[in-house]
Amino acid sequence: MNKARGCFIAFLVIFVISLLAVLLFALSSRSNFFNSGNSEDNSENTVSFSDSKDYLFLGVDERENLKEFKGRTDTIMIYHVSGWGKKDVLISVPRDTRVNLEDHGWNKINAAYVYGGEEMLKKEIYDVTGISIRRTMMLNFEGFKRVIDALGGVEITVDEPMHDPLSGADFEPGTYIMNGEEALAFARCRKTAGGDFDRVDRQKYLISQLIKQKINFSVISKAPQLISILNEETRSDFAMSDIVTFGAILLFSDKEIERVTIPGKTATIDGISYVVIDVDEVRQFLNPYLN
């Protein structure tokens, strides 16, 4: 983990653009973007457009004012860069996906981070999807809200009544300019017919709208404020080359992103609700998007 310091303004601008989109992806967690005091890249950290194309974004569910990155991952999303001329893909992994964790038996995939940190979670993602993750970013609720507010809100269309005291969602059908608090409530609501699957779909929709509406050159004027927020509220192992590459992809792409969720079925096993998946089915489903 490195802390970005003393970079040229061009790097800072793309830093903001990329991390801004990143923050929107995960919708949870709290931390510092880089933790140690070294801003220099090295050959080990350098990637290019032809290297690893899969970025993992996590939201860790922890109490307000804590930045310890302990707890289960509330949101698990993979951003797959498909290359020029193809649509990028945002892949959601339901947090209740049932997996067999080493030394811990059958559990939900969002417990992998609790027991083995990022490495165990990346291993489980690979075992399920075949996707090798190189870079990871973790985010928190407070940072998400602060960024949305700094951007002036986001326009969101609600297509069904949403009333969930736990998430704070209280919307009738219609189009809203949501502030950070409202957008977070919209993204976390589970009190609809499809439960967690609806929730995942809303998160992907919100992310795509944020990218379409907010990832443009107008964000440059907000750079100082956004840099401050992101530095306080995110943690990542991204190298500067990753930031520049990812920021350029988001800034210059057409922003039409495929949004998919790995297939699975809900089931209650030993009194616990899971999303049960078939690995072969998951990999066959993802193959057209990854190749």
Protein backbone atom coordinates (compact mmCIF):
# COMPACT_ATOMS: atom_id res chain seq x y z
CA MET A 1 0.00 0.00 0.00
CA ASN A 2 1.46 3.32 -1.05
CA LYS A 3 0.30 6.83 -0.36
CA ALA A 4 0.22 9.06 -3.45
CA ARG A 5 2.08 12.29 -2.84
CA GLY A 6 3.69 15.00 -4.86
CA CYS A 7 2.28 13.93 -8.26
CA PHE A 8 1.84 16.15 -11.27
CA ILE A 9 -1.60 17.74 -11.66
CA ALA A 10 -2.36 15.62 -14.72
CA PHE A 11 -1.86 12.51 -12.64
CA LEU A 12 -4.02 13.96 -9.88
CA VAL A 13 -6.85 14.70 -12.29
CA ILE A 14 -6.91 11.14 -13.63
CA PHE A 15 -6.46 9.90 -10.07
CA VAL A 16 -9.69 11.68 -9.12
CA ILE A 17 -11.55 10.49 -12.18
CA SER A 18 -10.57 6.88 -11.71
CA LEU A 19 -11.02 6.70 -7.97
CA LEU A 20 -14.28 8.53 -8.25
CA ALA A 21 -15.65 5.74 -10.42
CA VAL A 22 -14.03 3.17 -8.17
CA LEU A 23 -15.74 4.63 -5.12
CA LEU A 24 -19.06 4.41 -6.85
CA PHE A 25 -18.47 0.77 -7.62
CA ALA A 26 -18.27 -0.68 -4.22
CA LEU A 27 -20.59 1.42 -2.09
CA SER A 28 -19.04 0.51 1.26
CA SER A 29 -16.00 0.41 3.64
CA ARG A 30 -13.71 3.03 5.03
CA SER A 31 -9.99 3.69 4.83
CA ASN A 32 -7.06 5.49 3.24
CA PHE A 33 -6.33 5.10 -0.46
CA PHE A 34 -2.65 4.49 0.18
CA ASN A 35 -1.32 3.78 3.65
CA SER A 36 2.47 3.85 3.58
CA GLY A 37 4.50 6.87 2.64
CA ASN A 38 5.91 5.84 -0.75
CA SER A 39 4.51 7.32 -3.97
CA GLU A 40 6.98 5.76 -6.39
CA ASP A 41 6.01 2.99 -8.79
CA ASN A 42 8.36 0.10 -9.47
CA SER A 43 8.52 -2.54 -12.17
CA GLU A 44 6.67 -4.98 -9.95
CA ASN A 45 3.68 -2.66 -9.74
CA THR A 46 3.64 -1.50 -13.32
CA VAL A 47 0.80 -2.65 -15.55
CA SER A 48 -0.34 -1.71 -19.01
CA PHE A 49 -3.48 -2.05 -21.07
CA SER A 50 -2.36 -5.55 -22.03
CA ASP A 51 -1.76 -6.75 -18.46
CA SER A 52 -4.31 -7.62 -15.79
CA LYS A 53 -7.71 -6.30 -16.76
CA ASP A 54 -9.71 -7.15 -13.69
CA TYR A 55 -10.15 -4.73 -10.81
CA LEU A 56 -11.87 -5.77 -7.58
CA PHE A 57 -13.95 -3.28 -5.62
CA LEU A 58 -15.08 -4.12 -2.10
CA GLY A 59 -17.31 -2.50 0.45
CA VAL A 60 -16.56 -3.59 4.01
CA ASP A 61 -19.49 -3.29 6.39
CA GLU A 62 -18.19 -1.69 9.58
CA ARG A 63 -19.46 0.79 12.09
CA GLU A 64 -19.28 4.52 11.56
CA ASN A 65 -16.01 6.26 12.42
CA LEU A 66 -14.02 3.00 12.24
CA LYS A 67 -11.35 2.53 9.59
CA GLU A 68 -10.09 -0.89 10.57
CA PHE A 69 -11.35 -2.81 7.50
CA LYS A 70 -12.72 -5.62 9.59
CA GLY A 71 -16.03 -7.27 8.88
CA ARG A 72 -17.78 -8.91 5.96
CA THR A 73 -17.67 -7.47 2.48
CA ASP A 74 -21.05 -5.86 1.91
CA THR A 75 -20.41 -5.44 -1.81
CA ILE A 76 -18.21 -7.44 -4.19
CA MET A 77 -17.79 -6.17 -7.75
CA ILE A 78 -15.27 -6.87 -10.50
CA TYR A 79 -14.63 -4.30 -13.24
CA HIS A 80 -13.38 -6.18 -16.33
CA VAL A 81 -11.68 -4.03 -18.96
CA SER A 82 -12.54 -5.68 -22.27
CA GLY A 83 -10.24 -3.66 -24.53
CA TRP A 84 -10.82 -1.05 -27.20
CA GLY A 85 -13.95 -1.55 -29.26
CA LYS A 86 -15.64 -3.77 -26.70
CA LYS A 87 -17.88 -2.96 -23.77
CA ASP A 88 -16.36 -3.19 -20.33
CA VAL A 89 -18.15 -5.46 -17.87
CA LEU A 90 -19.19 -4.86 -14.28
CA ILE A 91 -19.58 -8.26 -12.61
CA SER A 92 -21.40 -8.60 -9.30
CA VAL A 93 -20.81 -11.51 -6.95
CA PRO A 94 -23.69 -11.82 -4.44
CA ARG A 95 -22.35 -11.58 -0.93
CA ASP A 96 -24.39 -14.66 0.09
CA THR A 97 -22.71 -16.91 -2.50
CA ARG A 98 -22.02 -20.28 -0.86
CA VAL A 99 -18.37 -21.36 -0.92
CA ASN A 100 -16.20 -23.85 0.94
CA LEU A 101 -13.59 -21.74 2.76
CA GLU A 102 -10.29 -23.37 3.61
CA ASP A 103 -10.22 -24.34 7.31
CA HIS A 104 -13.67 -22.80 7.83
CA GLY A 105 -16.02 -25.03 5.86
CA TRP A 106 -19.12 -23.93 3.98
CA ASN A 107 -19.84 -20.25 4.39
CA LYS A 108 -20.89 -17.13 2.54
CA ILE A 109 -18.25 -15.62 0.27
CA ASN A 110 -18.41 -12.34 2.18
CA ALA A 111 -16.89 -14.17 5.18
CA ALA A 112 -13.70 -14.87 3.22
CA TYR A 113 -12.39 -11.37 3.93
CA VAL A 114 -13.01 -11.85 7.67
CA TYR A 115 -11.06 -15.11 7.84
CA GLY A 116 -8.31 -14.54 5.31
CA GLY A 117 -8.36 -10.94 4.14
CA GLU A 118 -8.07 -9.90 0.52
CA GLU A 119 -5.99 -12.91 -0.48
CA MET A 120 -8.58 -15.45 0.61
CA LEU A 121 -11.37 -13.46 -1.03
CA LYS A 122 -9.42 -13.20 -4.31
CA LYS A 123 -8.79 -16.96 -4.20
CA GLU A 124 -12.50 -17.64 -3.74
CA ILE A 125 -13.37 -15.30 -6.59
CA TYR A 126 -10.92 -17.14 -8.82
CA ASP A 127 -12.27 -20.54 -7.77
CA VAL A 128 -15.82 -19.42 -8.63
CA THR A 129 -15.27 -17.30 -11.74
CA GLY A 130 -11.80 -18.11 -13.09
CA ILE A 131 -10.94 -14.40 -12.86
CA SER A 132 -7.51 -13.50 -11.48
CA ILE A 133 -7.59 -10.24 -9.53
CA ARG A 134 -4.46 -8.12 -9.35
CA ARG A 135 -5.66 -4.84 -7.87
CA THR A 136 -8.20 -4.27 -5.11
CA MET A 137 -9.89 -1.19 -3.72
CA MET A 138 -11.92 -0.98 -0.51
CA LEU A 139 -14.41 1.76 0.29
CA ASN A 140 -16.82 2.88 2.96
CA PHE A 141 -20.32 4.29 3.29
CA GLU A 142 -19.20 7.69 4.51
CA GLY A 143 -16.81 8.21 1.61
CA PHE A 144 -19.49 7.21 -0.88
CA LYS A 145 -21.93 9.76 0.54
CA ARG A 146 -19.31 12.52 0.63
CA VAL A 147 -18.32 12.00 -3.01
CA ILE A 148 -21.94 12.00 -4.24
CA ASP A 149 -22.59 15.24 -2.36
CA ALA A 150 -19.41 16.81 -3.71
CA LEU A 151 -20.56 15.95 -7.25
CA GLY A 152 -23.93 17.62 -6.74
CA GLY A 153 -25.98 14.42 -6.52
CA VAL A 154 -26.95 11.86 -9.12
CA GLU A 155 -30.15 11.47 -11.16
CA ILE A 156 -31.80 8.12 -10.46
CA THR A 157 -35.11 6.66 -11.64
CA VAL A 158 -36.99 4.53 -9.12
CA ASP A 159 -39.33 2.07 -10.84
CA GLU A 160 -41.13 0.61 -7.81
CA PRO A 161 -42.01 1.71 -4.26
CA MET A 162 -39.05 1.33 -1.90
CA HIS A 163 -39.63 1.57 1.84
CA ASP A 164 -36.94 0.01 4.01
CA PRO A 165 -36.26 1.43 7.51
CA LEU A 166 -32.99 -0.53 7.75
CA SER A 167 -31.42 1.08 4.69
CA GLY A 168 -33.29 4.37 5.02
CA ALA A 169 -34.89 4.01 1.57
CA ASP A 170 -38.25 5.81 1.31
CA PHE A 171 -39.08 6.35 -2.37
CA GLU A 172 -42.14 6.21 -4.56
CA PRO A 173 -41.69 5.57 -8.31
CA GLY A 174 -40.21 8.58 -10.11
CA THR A 175 -36.97 10.35 -11.00
CA TYR A 176 -34.87 11.91 -8.24
CA ILE A 177 -31.69 13.94 -7.91
CA MET A 178 -30.33 11.94 -4.99
CA ASN A 179 -27.81 13.21 -2.48
CA GLY A 180 -25.27 10.90 -0.92
CA GLU A 181 -27.51 9.69 1.90
CA GLU A 182 -30.38 8.94 -0.49
CA ALA A 183 -28.17 7.22 -3.06
CA LEU A 184 -26.70 4.96 -0.38
CA ALA A 185 -30.19 4.08 0.89
CA PHE A 186 -31.28 3.30 -2.68
CA ALA A 187 -28.26 1.08 -3.22
CA ARG A 188 -28.63 -0.87 0.03
CA CYS A 189 -32.39 -1.43 0.09
CA ARG A 190 -33.43 -5.11 0.18
CA LYS A 191 -37.18 -4.73 0.82
CA THR A 192 -38.31 -5.51 -2.72
CA ALA A 193 -39.60 -8.70 -4.31
CA GLY A 194 -36.19 -9.82 -5.58
CA GLY A 195 -34.39 -9.21 -2.29
CA ASP A 196 -30.61 -9.23 -2.61
CA PHE A 197 -30.70 -9.79 -6.38
CA ASP A 198 -32.70 -6.54 -6.77
CA ARG A 199 -30.19 -4.84 -4.51
CA VAL A 200 -27.27 -5.95 -6.68
CA ASP A 201 -29.09 -4.75 -9.82
CA ARG A 202 -29.71 -1.34 -8.25
CA GLN A 203 -26.04 -1.01 -7.33
CA LYS A 204 -24.98 -1.74 -10.90
CA TYR A 205 -27.57 0.73 -12.24
CA LEU A 206 -26.41 3.43 -9.84
CA ILE A 207 -22.79 2.89 -10.78
CA SER A 208 -23.51 3.09 -14.50
CA GLN A 209 -25.46 6.33 -14.01
CA LEU A 210 -22.64 7.84 -11.98
CA ILE A 211 -20.14 7.01 -14.70
CA LYS A 212 -22.38 8.39 -17.46
CA GLN A 213 -23.29 11.56 -15.61
CA LYS A 214 -20.14 12.41 -13.67
CA ILE A 215 -17.02 10.97 -15.30
CA ASN A 216 -16.08 13.88 -17.57
CA PHE A 217 -13.73 16.83 -17.65
CA SER A 218 -16.02 18.93 -15.44
CA VAL A 219 -14.80 16.88 -12.48
CA ILE A 220 -11.43 18.64 -12.72
CA SER A 221 -12.76 21.70 -10.90
CA LYS A 222 -13.69 19.50 -7.96
CA ALA A 223 -10.31 17.77 -7.84
CA PRO A 224 -9.00 19.19 -4.53
CA GLN A 225 -12.17 18.31 -2.61
CA LEU A 226 -12.43 14.85 -4.14
CA ILE A 227 -8.77 14.06 -3.59
CA SER A 228 -9.17 14.90 0.09
CA ILE A 229 -12.24 12.66 0.44
CA LEU A 230 -10.72 9.77 -1.44
CA ASN A 231 -7.47 9.95 0.50
CA GLU A 232 -9.41 9.69 3.76
CA GLU A 233 -12.03 7.13 2.84
CA THR A 234 -10.45 4.50 0.54
CA ARG A 235 -7.73 1.87 0.70
CA SER A 236 -6.09 0.26 -2.32
CA ASP A 237 -3.03 -1.51 -3.65
CA PHE A 238 -3.34 0.27 -7.00
CA ALA A 239 -0.02 1.49 -8.41
CA MET A 240 0.05 4.89 -10.08
CA SER A 241 0.17 3.15 -13.46
CA ASP A 242 -3.08 1.35 -12.61
CA ILE A 243 -4.71 4.63 -11.65
CA VAL A 244 -3.66 6.35 -14.86
CA THR A 245 -4.69 3.39 -17.00
CA PHE A 246 -8.03 2.92 -15.32
CA GLY A 247 -8.77 6.65 -15.26
CA ALA A 248 -8.00 6.97 -18.98
CA ILE A 249 -10.25 4.01 -19.77
CA LEU A 250 -13.16 5.55 -17.89
CA LEU A 251 -12.63 9.05 -19.19
CA PHE A 252 -12.33 8.16 -22.87
CA SER A 253 -14.64 5.13 -23.10
CA ASP A 254 -18.22 5.47 -24.35
CA LYS A 255 -19.32 4.55 -20.79
CA GLU A 256 -21.72 1.89 -22.01
CA ILE A 257 -20.94 -0.86 -19.54
CA GLU A 258 -22.33 -4.38 -19.48
CA ARG A 259 -23.79 -5.14 -16.05
CA VAL A 260 -24.09 -8.79 -15.02
CA THR A 261 -24.49 -10.89 -11.88
CA ILE A 262 -23.15 -14.41 -11.65
CA PRO A 263 -26.00 -16.94 -11.84
CA GLY A 264 -27.25 -18.73 -8.75
CA LYS A 265 -30.32 -19.77 -6.81
CA THR A 266 -31.36 -18.84 -3.30
CA ALA A 267 -31.62 -21.69 -0.83
CA THR A 268 -31.78 -22.14 2.94
CA ILE A 269 -29.26 -24.68 4.25
CA ASP A 270 -29.00 -25.46 7.97
CA GLY A 271 -31.14 -22.40 8.64
CA ILE A 272 -28.86 -20.04 6.69
CA SER A 273 -29.85 -18.29 3.46
CA TYR A 274 -27.34 -18.71 0.62
CA VAL A 275 -26.98 -18.11 -3.10
CA VAL A 276 -26.02 -21.54 -4.38
CA ILE A 277 -23.96 -21.58 -7.56
CA ASP A 278 -22.58 -24.13 -10.00
CA VAL A 279 -19.00 -23.22 -10.90
CA ASP A 280 -19.23 -24.63 -14.43
CA GLU A 281 -22.42 -22.67 -15.04
CA VAL A 282 -20.86 -19.47 -13.69
CA ARG A 283 -17.77 -19.78 -15.90
CA GLN A 284 -19.84 -20.65 -18.98
CA PHE A 285 -22.06 -17.62 -18.28
CA LEU A 286 -19.06 -15.27 -17.93
CA ASN A 287 -17.08 -16.61 -20.89
CA PRO A 288 -18.69 -14.35 -23.57
CA TYR A 289 -18.04 -11.27 -21.43
CA LEU A 290 -14.43 -12.12 -20.58
CA ASN A 291 -13.32 -13.12 -24.08
